PDB file of N, CA and C in Angstrom:
ATOM      1  N   UNK A   1     -15.457  -7.709   5.564  1.00  0.00           N
ATOM      2  CA  UNK A   1     -16.187  -7.110   4.071  1.00  0.00           C
ATOM      3  C   UNK A   1     -16.106  -8.467   3.208  1.00  0.00           C
ATOM      4  N   UNK A   2     -17.042  -8.538   2.671  1.00  0.00           N
ATOM      5  CA  UNK A   2     -17.188  -9.522   1.503  1.00  0.00           C
ATOM      6  C   UNK A   2     -16.884  -8.622   0.461  1.00  0.00           C
ATOM      7  N   UNK A   3     -15.682  -9.284  -0.536  1.00  0.00           N
ATOM      8  CA  UNK A   3     -15.680  -8.468  -1.675  1.00  0.00           C
ATOM      9  C   UNK A   3     -16.277  -9.527  -2.560  1.00  0.00           C
ATOM     10  N   UNK A   4     -16.897  -9.019  -3.800  1.00  0.00           N
ATOM     11  CA  UNK A   4     -17.124  -9.757  -5.241  1.00  0.00           C
ATOM     12  C   UNK A   4     -16.067  -9.383  -6.198  1.00  0.00           C
ATOM     13  N   UNK A   5     -16.223  -9.664  -7.632  1.00  0.00           N
ATOM     14  CA  UNK A   5     -15.390 -10.009  -8.713  1.00  0.00           C
ATOM     15  C   UNK A   5     -15.862  -8.316  -9.516  1.00  0.00           C
ATOM     16  N   UNK A   6     -17.136  -7.532  -8.763  1.00  0.00           N
ATOM     17  CA  UNK A   6     -17.237  -6.578  -9.228  1.00  0.00           C
ATOM     18  C   UNK A   6     -16.153  -5.262  -8.364  1.00  0.00           C
ATOM     19  N   UNK A   7     -16.268  -5.564  -7.219  1.00  0.00           N
ATOM     20  CA  UNK A   7     -15.208  -5.066  -6.025  1.00  0.00           C
ATOM     21  C   UNK A   7     -13.712  -5.296  -6.589  1.00  0.00           C
ATOM     22  N   UNK A   8     -13.429  -6.462  -7.442  1.00  0.00           N
ATOM     23  CA  UNK A   8     -11.837  -6.757  -6.960  1.00  0.00           C
ATOM     24  C   UNK A   8     -11.507  -5.863  -8.447  1.00  0.00           C
ATOM     25  N   UNK A   9     -12.681  -6.033  -9.567  1.00  0.00           N
ATOM     26  CA  UNK A   9     -11.948  -5.025 -10.467  1.00  0.00           C
ATOM     27  C   UNK A   9     -12.207  -3.709 -10.630  1.00  0.00           C
ATOM     28  N   UNK A  10     -12.958  -3.434  -9.524  1.00  0.00           N
ATOM     29  CA  UNK A  10     -12.837  -2.054  -9.485  1.00  0.00           C
ATOM     30  C   UNK A  10     -11.521  -1.564  -9.060  1.00  0.00           C
ATOM     31  N   UNK A  11     -11.347  -2.278  -7.446  1.00  0.00           N
ATOM     32  CA  UNK A  11      -9.633  -2.165  -7.294  1.00  0.00           C
ATOM     33  C   UNK A  11      -8.782  -2.236  -8.395  1.00  0.00           C
ATOM     34  N   UNK A  12      -8.902  -2.940  -8.790  1.00  0.00           N
ATOM     35  CA  UNK A  12      -7.821  -3.331 -10.440  1.00  0.00           C
ATOM     36  C   UNK A  12      -7.783  -2.350 -11.007  1.00  0.00           C
ATOM     37  N   UNK A  13      -8.554  -1.509 -11.114  1.00  0.00           N
ATOM     38  CA  UNK A  13      -8.743  -0.034 -12.380  1.00  0.00           C
ATOM     39  C   UNK A  13      -8.274   1.008 -11.371  1.00  0.00           C
ATOM     40  N   UNK A  14      -8.625   1.251  -9.844  1.00  0.00           N
ATOM     41  CA  UNK A  14      -8.035   2.353  -9.544  1.00  0.00           C
ATOM     42  C   UNK A  14      -6.272   2.088  -8.973  1.00  0.00           C
ATOM     43  N   UNK A  15      -5.678   0.363  -9.053  1.00  0.00           N
ATOM     44  CA  UNK A  15      -4.378   0.349  -8.627  1.00  0.00           C
ATOM     45  C   UNK A  15      -3.916   0.657 -10.043  1.00  0.00           C
ATOM     46  N   UNK A  16      -4.334   0.557 -10.959  1.00  0.00           N
ATOM     47  CA  UNK A  16      -3.840   0.860 -12.450  1.00  0.00           C
ATOM     48  C   UNK A  16      -3.690   2.540 -12.706  1.00  0.00           C
ATOM     49  N   UNK A  17      -4.950   3.137 -12.656  1.00  0.00           N
ATOM     50  CA  UNK A  17      -4.854   4.478 -12.645  1.00  0.00           C
ATOM     51  C   UNK A  17      -6.085   5.196 -11.670  1.00  0.00           C
ATOM     52  N   UNK A  18      -5.490   5.619 -10.286  1.00  0.00           N
ATOM     53  CA  UNK A  18      -6.118   5.881  -8.981  1.00  0.00           C
ATOM     54  C   UNK A  18      -6.844   7.390  -9.744  1.00  0.00           C
ATOM     55  N   UNK A  19      -6.732   8.044 -10.578  1.00  0.00           N
ATOM     56  CA  UNK A  19      -7.244   9.273 -11.041  1.00  0.00           C
ATOM     57  C   UNK A  19      -8.417   9.007 -12.179  1.00  0.00           C
ATOM     58  N   UNK A  20      -8.610   7.535 -12.243  1.00  0.00           N
ATOM     59  CA  UNK A  20      -9.381   7.204 -13.037  1.00  0.00           C
ATOM     60  C   UNK A  20     -10.722   7.943 -12.307  1.00  0.00           C
ATOM     61  N   UNK A  21     -11.848   7.900 -13.320  1.00  0.00           N
ATOM     62  CA  UNK A  21     -13.531   8.609 -12.746  1.00  0.00           C
ATOM     63  C   UNK A  21     -14.257   7.432 -12.439  1.00  0.00           C
ATOM     64  N   UNK A  22     -15.388   8.274 -11.678  1.00  0.00           N
ATOM     65  CA  UNK A  22     -16.393   7.143 -11.097  1.00  0.00           C
ATOM     66  C   UNK A  22     -17.134   6.626 -12.383  1.00  0.00           C
ATOM     67  N   UNK A  23     -17.665   7.464 -13.367  1.00  0.00           N
ATOM     68  CA  UNK A  23     -17.753   7.115 -14.569  1.00  0.00           C
ATOM     69  C   UNK A  23     -17.299   6.167 -15.737  1.00  0.00           C
ATOM     70  N   UNK A  24     -16.089   6.642 -15.562  1.00  0.00           N
ATOM     71  CA  UNK A  24     -15.176   5.218 -16.460  1.00  0.00           C
ATOM     72  C   UNK A  24     -15.267   3.755 -15.452  1.00  0.00           C
ATOM     73  N   UNK A  25     -15.094   3.985 -14.984  1.00  0.00           N
ATOM     74  CA  UNK A  25     -15.072   2.754 -14.132  1.00  0.00           C
ATOM     75  C   UNK A  25     -16.296   1.693 -13.948  1.00  0.00           C
ATOM     76  N   UNK A  26     -17.342   2.838 -13.907  1.00  0.00           N
ATOM     77  CA  UNK A  26     -19.070   2.097 -14.318  1.00  0.00           C
ATOM     78  C   UNK A  26     -19.164   1.583 -15.425  1.00  0.00           C
ATOM     79  N   UNK A  27     -18.672   2.284 -16.739  1.00  0.00           N
ATOM     80  CA  UNK A  27     -18.850   1.708 -18.309  1.00  0.00           C
ATOM     81  C   UNK A  27     -18.357   0.558 -18.191  1.00  0.00           C
ATOM     82  N   UNK A  28     -17.177   0.217 -17.259  1.00  0.00           N
ATOM     83  CA  UNK A  28     -16.189  -1.187 -17.616  1.00  0.00           C
ATOM     84  C   UNK A  28     -16.863  -1.804 -16.523  1.00  0.00           C
ATOM     85  N   UNK A  29     -17.623  -1.557 -15.652  1.00  0.00           N
ATOM     86  CA  UNK A  29     -18.362  -2.580 -14.464  1.00  0.00           C
ATOM     87  C   UNK A  29     -19.894  -2.649 -14.463  1.00  0.00           C
ATOM     88  N   UNK A  30     -20.330  -2.126 -15.740  1.00  0.00           N
ATOM     89  CA  UNK A  30     -21.720  -2.405 -16.392  1.00  0.00           C
ATOM     90  C   UNK A  30     -22.943  -1.663 -14.454  1.00  0.00           C
ATOM     91  N   UNK A  31     -22.321  -0.462 -14.011  1.00  0.00           N
ATOM     92  CA  UNK A  31     -23.473  -0.251 -13.063  1.00  0.00           C
ATOM     93  C   UNK A  31     -23.491   1.234 -13.016  1.00  0.00           C
ATOM     94  N   UNK A  32     -24.063   1.752 -12.633  1.00  0.00           N
ATOM     95  CA  UNK A  32     -24.236   3.652 -12.615  1.00  0.00           C
ATOM     96  C   UNK A  32     -22.879   3.825 -11.661  1.00  0.00           C
ATOM     97  N   UNK A  33     -23.097   4.961 -11.923  1.00  0.00           N
ATOM     98  CA  UNK A  33     -21.884   5.995 -11.477  1.00  0.00           C
ATOM     99  C   UNK A  33     -21.758   6.006  -9.501  1.00  0.00           C
ATOM    100  N   UNK A  34     -23.396   6.213  -9.717  1.00  0.00           N
ATOM    101  CA  UNK A  34     -23.299   6.408  -8.300  1.00  0.00           C
ATOM    102  C   UNK A  34     -23.238   4.705  -7.201  1.00  0.00           C
ATOM    103  N   UNK A  35     -23.534   3.793  -8.290  1.00  0.00           N
ATOM    104  CA  UNK A  35     -23.031   2.588  -7.628  1.00  0.00           C
ATOM    105  C   UNK A  35     -21.875   2.335  -7.684  1.00  0.00           C
ATOM    106  N   UNK A  36     -21.337   2.775  -8.041  1.00  0.00           N
ATOM    107  CA  UNK A  36     -19.519   2.665  -8.112  1.00  0.00           C
ATOM    108  C   UNK A  36     -18.803   3.440  -6.952  1.00  0.00           C
ATOM    109  N   UNK A  37     -19.523   4.361  -6.577  1.00  0.00           N
ATOM    110  CA  UNK A  37     -19.308   5.387  -5.683  1.00  0.00           C
ATOM    111  C   UNK A  37     -19.596   5.094  -4.521  1.00  0.00           C
ATOM    112  N   UNK A  38     -20.653   4.117  -4.268  1.00  0.00           N
ATOM    113  CA  UNK A  38     -20.963   3.794  -2.826  1.00  0.00           C
ATOM    114  C   UNK A  38     -20.524   2.469  -2.717  1.00  0.00           C
ATOM    115  N   UNK A  39     -19.853   1.690  -3.688  1.00  0.00           N
ATOM    116  CA  UNK A  39     -18.972   0.581  -3.255  1.00  0.00           C
ATOM    117  C   UNK A  39     -17.366   0.886  -3.209  1.00  0.00           C
ATOM    118  N   UNK A  40     -16.952   2.088  -3.522  1.00  0.00           N
ATOM    119  CA  UNK A  40     -15.657   2.666  -3.599  1.00  0.00           C
ATOM    120  C   UNK A  40     -15.402   2.981  -2.049  1.00  0.00           C
ATOM    121  N   UNK A  41     -17.037   3.981  -1.633  1.00  0.00           N
ATOM    122  CA  UNK A  41     -17.145   4.438  -0.470  1.00  0.00           C
ATOM    123  C   UNK A  41     -16.938   3.440   0.807  1.00  0.00           C
ATOM    124  N   UNK A  42     -17.327   2.244  -0.002  1.00  0.00           N
ATOM    125  CA  UNK A  42     -17.905   1.135   1.408  1.00  0.00           C
ATOM    126  C   UNK A  42     -15.982   0.585   1.243  1.00  0.00           C
ATOM    127  N   UNK A  43     -15.653   0.544   0.129  1.00  0.00           N
ATOM    128  CA  UNK A  43     -14.335  -0.534   0.475  1.00  0.00           C
ATOM    129  C   UNK A  43     -13.245   0.644   1.072  1.00  0.00           C
ATOM    130  N   UNK A  44     -13.608   1.880   0.934  1.00  0.00           N
ATOM    131  CA  UNK A  44     -12.838   2.961   1.958  1.00  0.00           C
ATOM    132  C   UNK A  44     -13.617   2.514   3.218  1.00  0.00           C
ATOM    133  N   UNK A  45     -14.166   3.250   3.768  1.00  0.00           N
ATOM    134  CA  UNK A  45     -14.703   2.474   4.796  1.00  0.00           C
ATOM    135  C   UNK A  45     -14.615   1.095   5.397  1.00  0.00           C
ATOM    136  N   UNK A  46     -14.132   0.355   5.068  1.00  0.00           N
ATOM    137  CA  UNK A  46     -13.720  -1.385   5.703  1.00  0.00           C
ATOM    138  C   UNK A  46     -12.823  -1.399   5.306  1.00  0.00           C
ATOM    139  N   UNK A  47     -11.750  -0.391   5.235  1.00  0.00           N
ATOM    140  CA  UNK A  47     -10.401  -0.002   4.857  1.00  0.00           C
ATOM    141  C   UNK A  47      -9.409  -1.153   4.123  1.00  0.00           C
ATOM    142  N   UNK A  48     -10.592  -1.523   2.844  1.00  0.00           N
ATOM    143  CA  UNK A  48      -9.741  -2.212   1.886  1.00  0.00           C
ATOM    144  C   UNK A  48      -8.959  -1.306   0.978  1.00  0.00           C
ATOM    145  N   UNK A  49      -9.594  -0.175   0.937  1.00  0.00           N
ATOM    146  CA  UNK A  49      -8.950   1.256   0.693  1.00  0.00           C
ATOM    147  C   UNK A  49      -7.914   1.535   1.364  1.00  0.00           C
ATOM    148  N   UNK A  50      -6.792   1.771   1.583  1.00  0.00           N
ATOM    149  CA  UNK A  50      -6.298   2.587   2.627  1.00  0.00           C
ATOM    150  C   UNK A  50      -5.945   3.994   2.232  1.00  0.00           C
ATOM    151  N   UNK A  51      -5.488   4.568   0.859  1.00  0.00           N
ATOM    152  CA  UNK A  51      -5.203   5.855   0.460  1.00  0.00           C
ATOM    153  C   UNK A  51      -5.391   5.448  -1.157  1.00  0.00           C
ATOM    154  N   UNK A  52      -5.489   7.030  -1.680  1.00  0.00           N
ATOM    155  CA  UNK A  52      -5.392   6.796  -3.112  1.00  0.00           C
ATOM    156  C   UNK A  52      -3.965   8.005  -3.194  1.00  0.00           C
ATOM    157  N   UNK A  53      -3.723   7.354  -4.703  1.00  0.00           N
ATOM    158  CA  UNK A  53      -1.836   7.933  -4.827  1.00  0.00           C
ATOM    159  C   UNK A  53      -1.345   7.659  -6.042  1.00  0.00           C
ATOM    160  N   UNK A  54      -0.590   8.664  -6.221  1.00  0.00           N
ATOM    161  CA  UNK A  54       0.231   8.863  -7.398  1.00  0.00           C
ATOM    162  C   UNK A  54       1.591   7.888  -7.826  1.00  0.00           C
ATOM    163  N   UNK A  55       2.114   7.629  -8.628  1.00  0.00           N
ATOM    164  CA  UNK A  55       3.380   8.115  -8.646  1.00  0.00           C
ATOM    165  C   UNK A  55       3.964   8.892  -9.956  1.00  0.00           C
ATOM    166  N   UNK A  56       5.423   9.036  -9.463  1.00  0.00           N
ATOM    167  CA  UNK A  56       5.542  10.042 -10.355  1.00  0.00           C
ATOM    168  C   UNK A  56       6.756   9.707 -10.725  1.00  0.00           C
ATOM    169  N   UNK A  57       7.278  10.633 -11.988  1.00  0.00           N
ATOM    170  CA  UNK A  57       8.115   9.777 -12.771  1.00  0.00           C
ATOM    171  C   UNK A  57       9.580   9.979 -12.512  1.00  0.00           C
ATOM    172  N   UNK A  58       9.889  10.638 -11.432  1.00  0.00           N
ATOM    173  CA  UNK A  58      11.235  10.889 -10.898  1.00  0.00           C
ATOM    174  C   UNK A  58      12.148   9.332 -10.394  1.00  0.00           C
ATOM    175  N   UNK A  59      13.044   9.718 -10.746  1.00  0.00           N
ATOM    176  CA  UNK A  59      13.725   8.020 -10.281  1.00  0.00           C
ATOM    177  C   UNK A  59      13.683   7.782  -8.509  1.00  0.00           C
ATOM    178  N   UNK A  60      13.272   6.499  -8.680  1.00  0.00           N
ATOM    179  CA  UNK A  60      13.474   6.215  -6.867  1.00  0.00           C
ATOM    180  C   UNK A  60      14.123   4.828  -7.096  1.00  0.00           C
ATOM    181  N   UNK A  61      14.775   5.042  -5.851  1.00  0.00           N
ATOM    182  CA  UNK A  61      15.844   3.964  -5.604  1.00  0.00           C
ATOM    183  C   UNK A  61      15.010   3.218  -4.127  1.00  0.00           C
ATOM    184  N   UNK A  62      15.319   1.980  -4.118  1.00  0.00           N
ATOM    185  CA  UNK A  62      14.784   0.972  -3.130  1.00  0.00           C
ATOM    186  C   UNK A  62      15.503   0.566  -2.077  1.00  0.00           C
ATOM    187  N   UNK A  63      15.231   0.328  -1.182  1.00  0.00           N
ATOM    188  CA  UNK A  63      16.283  -0.603  -0.337  1.00  0.00           C
ATOM    189  C   UNK A  63      15.571  -1.929   0.338  1.00  0.00           C
ATOM    190  N   UNK A  64      16.010  -2.781   0.529  1.00  0.00           N
ATOM    191  CA  UNK A  64      15.062  -4.007   1.509  1.00  0.00           C
ATOM    192  C   UNK A  64      16.159  -4.292   2.397  1.00  0.00           C
ATOM    193  N   UNK A  65      15.269  -4.396   3.310  1.00  0.00           N
ATOM    194  CA  UNK A  65      15.846  -4.635   4.634  1.00  0.00           C
ATOM    195  C   UNK A  65      15.571  -5.715   5.351  1.00  0.00           C
ATOM    196  N   UNK A  66      16.302  -6.490   5.892  1.00  0.00           N
ATOM    197  CA  UNK A  66      16.041  -7.786   6.558  1.00  0.00           C
ATOM    198  C   UNK A  66      15.867  -7.379   8.258  1.00  0.00           C
ATOM    199  N   UNK A  67      15.149  -7.736   8.809  1.00  0.00           N
ATOM    200  CA  UNK A  67      15.172  -7.670  10.236  1.00  0.00           C
ATOM    201  C   UNK A  67      14.943  -8.712  11.050  1.00  0.00           C
ATOM    202  N   UNK A  68      15.697  -8.703  12.546  1.00  0.00           N
ATOM    203  CA  UNK A  68      15.316  -9.508  13.390  1.00  0.00           C
ATOM    204  C   UNK A  68      15.279  -9.073  14.632  1.00  0.00           C
ATOM    205  N   UNK A  69      14.089  -9.734  15.169  1.00  0.00           N
ATOM    206  CA  UNK A  69      13.229  -8.942  16.292  1.00  0.00           C
ATOM    207  C   UNK A  69      14.120  -9.105  17.591  1.00  0.00           C
ATOM    208  N   UNK A  70      14.019  -7.757  18.500  1.00  0.00           N
ATOM    209  CA  UNK A  70      15.024  -8.157  19.771  1.00  0.00           C
ATOM    210  C   UNK A  70      13.740  -8.695  20.818  1.00  0.00           C
ATOM    211  N   UNK A  71      12.630  -8.514  20.574  1.00  0.00           N
ATOM    212  CA  UNK A  71      12.015  -8.872  21.452  1.00  0.00           C
ATOM    213  C   UNK A  71      10.321  -9.537  20.299  1.00  0.00           C
ATOM    214  N   UNK A  72       9.113  -8.858  20.723  1.00  0.00           N
ATOM    215  CA  UNK A  72       8.151  -9.317  19.857  1.00  0.00           C
ATOM    216  C   UNK A  72       8.280  -8.555  18.772  1.00  0.00           C
ATOM    217  N   UNK A  73       8.014  -9.842  17.828  1.00  0.00           N
ATOM    218  CA  UNK A  73       8.110  -9.662  16.775  1.00  0.00           C
ATOM    219  C   UNK A  73       7.148  -8.542  16.294  1.00  0.00           C
ATOM    220  N   UNK A  74       5.489  -8.588  16.805  1.00  0.00           N
ATOM    221  CA  UNK A  74       4.513  -8.194  16.160  1.00  0.00           C
ATOM    222  C   UNK A  74       4.501  -6.475  16.279  1.00  0.00           C
ATOM    223  N   UNK A  75       5.377  -6.250  17.658  1.00  0.00           N
ATOM    224  CA  UNK A  75       5.557  -4.705  18.295  1.00  0.00           C
ATOM    225  C   UNK A  75       6.166  -3.841  17.260  1.00  0.00           C
ATOM    226  N   UNK A  76       7.111  -5.054  17.067  1.00  0.00           N
ATOM    227  CA  UNK A  76       8.251  -4.109  16.154  1.00  0.00           C
ATOM    228  C   UNK A  76       7.716  -3.675  14.895  1.00  0.00           C
ATOM    229  N   UNK A  77       6.719  -4.853  13.743  1.00  0.00           N
ATOM    230  CA  UNK A  77       6.258  -4.347  12.841  1.00  0.00           C
ATOM    231  C   UNK A  77       5.446  -3.520  12.861  1.00  0.00           C
ATOM    232  N   UNK A  78       5.000  -3.196  14.226  1.00  0.00           N
ATOM    233  CA  UNK A  78       3.349  -1.551  14.287  1.00  0.00           C
ATOM    234  C   UNK A  78       4.745  -0.693  14.442  1.00  0.00           C
ATOM    235  N   UNK A  79       5.680  -1.072  15.549  1.00  0.00           N
ATOM    236  CA  UNK A  79       6.415   0.255  15.443  1.00  0.00           C
ATOM    237  C   UNK A  79       7.137   0.812  14.095  1.00  0.00           C
ATOM    238  N   UNK A  80       7.323  -0.337  13.039  1.00  0.00           N
ATOM    239  CA  UNK A  80       7.945   0.391  12.253  1.00  0.00           C
ATOM    240  C   UNK A  80       6.994   0.892  10.916  1.00  0.00           C
ATOM    241  N   UNK A  81       5.672   0.104  11.249  1.00  0.00           N
ATOM    242  CA  UNK A  81       4.556   0.958  10.069  1.00  0.00           C
ATOM    243  C   UNK A  81       4.047   2.573  10.620  1.00  0.00           C
ATOM    244  N   UNK A  82       4.333   2.529  12.150  1.00  0.00           N
ATOM    245  CA  UNK A  82       3.635   3.937  12.341  1.00  0.00           C
ATOM    246  C   UNK A  82       4.277   4.985  12.287  1.00  0.00           C
ATOM    247  N   UNK A  83       5.590   4.534  11.963  1.00  0.00           N
ATOM    248  CA  UNK A  83       7.270   5.301  12.112  1.00  0.00           C
ATOM    249  C   UNK A  83       6.691   5.993  10.634  1.00  0.00           C
ATOM    250  N   UNK A  84       6.325   5.277   9.652  1.00  0.00           N
ATOM    251  CA  UNK A  84       5.924   5.719   8.690  1.00  0.00           C
ATOM    252  C   UNK A  84       7.295   6.120   7.631  1.00  0.00           C
ATOM    253  N   UNK A  85       8.341   5.161   7.831  1.00  0.00           N
ATOM    254  CA  UNK A  85       9.636   5.374   7.340  1.00  0.00           C
ATOM    255  C   UNK A  85       9.466   4.563   6.106  1.00  0.00           C
ATOM    256  N   UNK A  86       8.868   3.114   6.450  1.00  0.00           N
ATOM    257  CA  UNK A  86       9.364   2.026   5.224  1.00  0.00           C
ATOM    258  C   UNK A  86       8.039   2.085   3.873  1.00  0.00           C
ATOM    259  N   UNK A  87       8.121   2.294   2.891  1.00  0.00           N
ATOM    260  CA  UNK A  87       7.012   2.232   1.689  1.00  0.00           C
ATOM    261  C   UNK A  87       5.991   0.675   2.316  1.00  0.00           C
ATOM    262  N   UNK A  88       6.863  -0.506   2.663  1.00  0.00           N
ATOM    263  CA  UNK A  88       5.703  -1.503   2.679  1.00  0.00           C
ATOM    264  C   UNK A  88       6.696  -2.745   3.521  1.00  0.00           C
ATOM    265  N   UNK A  89       6.277  -3.151   5.104  1.00  0.00           N
ATOM    266  CA  UNK A  89       6.375  -3.635   5.655  1.00  0.00           C
ATOM    267  C   UNK A  89       6.398  -5.269   5.936  1.00  0.00           C
ATOM    268  N   UNK A  90       6.706  -6.278   6.064  1.00  0.00           N
ATOM    269  CA  UNK A  90       6.099  -7.477   6.265  1.00  0.00           C
ATOM    270  C   UNK A  90       6.442  -8.545   6.953  1.00  0.00           C
ATOM    271  N   UNK A  91       5.718  -9.205   8.200  1.00  0.00           N
ATOM    272  CA  UNK A  91       6.008  -9.896   9.005  1.00  0.00           C
ATOM    273  C   UNK A  91       6.840 -11.234   8.156  1.00  0.00           C
ATOM    274  N   UNK A  92       7.740 -11.916   8.234  1.00  0.00           N
ATOM    275  CA  UNK A  92       8.328 -13.451   7.697  1.00  0.00           C
ATOM    276  C   UNK A  92       8.671 -14.716   8.419  1.00  0.00           C
ATOM    277  N   UNK A  93       8.605 -15.289   7.736  1.00  0.00           N
ATOM    278  CA  UNK A  93       9.684 -16.882   9.035  1.00  0.00           C
ATOM    279  C   UNK A  93      10.804 -16.925   7.833  1.00  0.00           C
ATOM    280  N   UNK A  94      11.553 -17.758   8.934  1.00  0.00           N
ATOM    281  CA  UNK A  94      12.943 -18.142   8.358  1.00  0.00           C
ATOM    282  C   UNK A  94      13.620 -17.278   9.497  1.00  0.00           C
ATOM    283  N   UNK A  95      15.109 -16.785   9.063  1.00  0.00           N
ATOM    284  CA  UNK A  95      16.167 -16.614   9.499  1.00  0.00           C
ATOM    285  C   UNK A  95      15.886 -15.457  10.403  1.00  0.00           C
ATOM    286  N   UNK A  96      14.609 -14.678   9.668  1.00  0.00           N
ATOM    287  CA  UNK A  96      14.334 -12.997   9.685  1.00  0.00           C
ATOM    288  C   UNK A  96      12.908 -12.621  10.292  1.00  0.00           C
ATOM    289  N   UNK A  97      12.784 -12.161  10.987  1.00  0.00           N
ATOM    290  CA  UNK A  97      11.114 -12.391  11.170  1.00  0.00           C
ATOM    291  C   UNK A  97      10.416 -10.528  10.634  1.00  0.00           C
ATOM    292  N   UNK A  98      11.296 -10.115  10.244  1.00  0.00           N
ATOM    293  CA  UNK A  98      10.327  -9.109   9.316  1.00  0.00           C
ATOM    294  C   UNK A  98      11.308  -8.355   8.084  1.00  0.00           C
ATOM    295  N   UNK A  99      10.971  -8.170   7.151  1.00  0.00           N
ATOM    296  CA  UNK A  99      11.337  -7.587   6.065  1.00  0.00           C
ATOM    297  C   UNK A  99      10.877  -6.225   5.738  1.00  0.00           C
ATOM    298  N   UNK A 100      11.240  -4.791   5.561  1.00  0.00           N
ATOM    299  CA  UNK A 100      10.938  -3.834   5.243  1.00  0.00           C
ATOM    300  C   UNK A 100      11.356  -3.495   3.482  1.00  0.00           C
ATOM    301  N   UNK A 101      10.298  -2.611   2.815  1.00  0.00           N
ATOM    302  CA  UNK A 101      10.870  -1.692   1.533  1.00  0.00           C
ATOM    303  C   UNK A 101      11.053  -0.278   1.935  1.00  0.00           C
ATOM    304  N   UNK A 102      12.142   0.299   1.717  1.00  0.00           N
ATOM    305  CA  UNK A 102      12.479   1.555   1.536  1.00  0.00           C
ATOM    306  C   UNK A 102      12.653   2.297   0.497  1.00  0.00           C
ATOM    307  N   UNK A 103      11.952   3.317  -0.072  1.00  0.00           N
ATOM    308  CA  UNK A 103      11.863   4.076  -0.907  1.00  0.00           C
ATOM    309  C   UNK A 103      12.801   5.522  -1.143  1.00  0.00           C
ATOM    310  N   UNK A 104      13.505   5.788  -1.527  1.00  0.00           N
ATOM    311  CA  UNK A 104      14.036   7.093  -1.491  1.00  0.00           C
ATOM    312  C   UNK A 104      14.145   7.666  -3.005  1.00  0.00           C
ATOM    313  N   UNK A 105      14.931   9.191  -2.977  1.00  0.00           N
ATOM    314  CA  UNK A 105      14.867   9.702  -4.472  1.00  0.00           C
ATOM    315  C   UNK A 105      16.258   9.413  -4.699  1.00  0.00           C
ATOM    316  N   UNK A 106      17.165   8.835  -3.544  1.00  0.00           N
ATOM    317  CA  UNK A 106      18.792   8.644  -3.841  1.00  0.00           C
ATOM    318  C   UNK A 106      19.202   7.448  -2.980  1.00  0.00           C
ATOM    319  N   UNK A 107      20.495   7.428  -2.821  1.00  0.00           N
ATOM    320  CA  UNK A 107      20.693   6.241  -1.870  1.00  0.00           C
ATOM    321  C   UNK A 107      20.593   6.765  -0.661  1.00  0.00           C
ATOM    322  N   UNK A 108      21.490   7.944  -0.566  1.00  0.00           N
ATOM    323  CA  UNK A 108      21.646   8.765   0.634  1.00  0.00           C
ATOM    324  C   UNK A 108      20.522   8.753   1.529  1.00  0.00           C
ATOM    325  N   UNK A 109      19.433   9.033   0.970  1.00  0.00           N
ATOM    326  CA  UNK A 109      18.384   8.907   1.227  1.00  0.00           C
ATOM    327  C   UNK A 109      17.628   8.050   2.168  1.00  0.00           C
ATOM    328  N   UNK A 110      18.080   6.720   1.339  1.00  0.00           N
ATOM    329  CA  UNK A 110      17.433   5.424   1.996  1.00  0.00           C
ATOM    330  C   UNK A 110      18.454   5.242   3.061  1.00  0.00           C
ATOM    331  N   UNK A 111      19.965   5.497   2.897  1.00  0.00           N
ATOM    332  CA  UNK A 111      20.640   5.373   4.004  1.00  0.00           C
ATOM    333  C   UNK A 111      20.268   6.287   5.357  1.00  0.00           C
ATOM    334  N   UNK A 112      19.641   7.298   5.041  1.00  0.00           N
ATOM    335  CA  UNK A 112      19.032   7.657   6.365  1.00  0.00           C
ATOM    336  C   UNK A 112      17.941   7.313   6.906  1.00  0.00           C
ATOM    337  N   UNK A 113      17.010   6.484   5.705  1.00  0.00           N
ATOM    338  CA  UNK A 113      16.328   6.046   6.357  1.00  0.00           C
ATOM    339  C   UNK A 113      16.589   4.743   7.227  1.00  0.00           C
ATOM    340  N   UNK A 114      17.358   3.752   7.163  1.00  0.00           N
ATOM    341  CA  UNK A 114      17.908   2.560   7.865  1.00  0.00           C
ATOM    342  C   UNK A 114      18.237   3.367   8.896  1.00  0.00           C
ATOM    343  N   UNK A 115      19.372   4.228   8.479  1.00  0.00           N
ATOM    344  CA  UNK A 115      19.784   5.037  10.104  1.00  0.00           C
ATOM    345  C   UNK A 115      18.728   5.621  10.569  1.00  0.00           C
ATOM    346  N   UNK A 116      17.636   5.933  10.878  1.00  0.00           N
ATOM    347  CA  UNK A 116      16.626   6.300  11.241  1.00  0.00           C
ATOM    348  C   UNK A 116      15.663   5.154  12.263  1.00  0.00           C
ATOM    349  N   UNK A 117      15.901   3.994  11.356  1.00  0.00           N
ATOM    350  CA  UNK A 117      14.611   3.060  11.833  1.00  0.00           C
ATOM    351  C   UNK A 117      16.319   2.097  13.289  1.00  0.00           C
TER     352      UNK A 117
END
């Protein structure tokens, strides 16, 4: 899918506030509400947008874990993503093959996620 500047502006607004209305977005990008709705539907259909979310004001703790693959790096990263334990997972180069970001409401929760991995 080819994105344009308007798609990028819509994505930026949704990233800042996932609850922004299509009408508000339309005013900012000079399109009709229907055109914005169609663009968002298209972004979802093409997996540019994978989910809409919110952030809460609860304190969060983060952990960064560097990984070395025993076998295939890509297979390891797919398994980590499918387990839905990590907030983000990245394949990297250098001394390590992967990096994952964990998020939890306590350090104990982060430790539990590390143990689960």
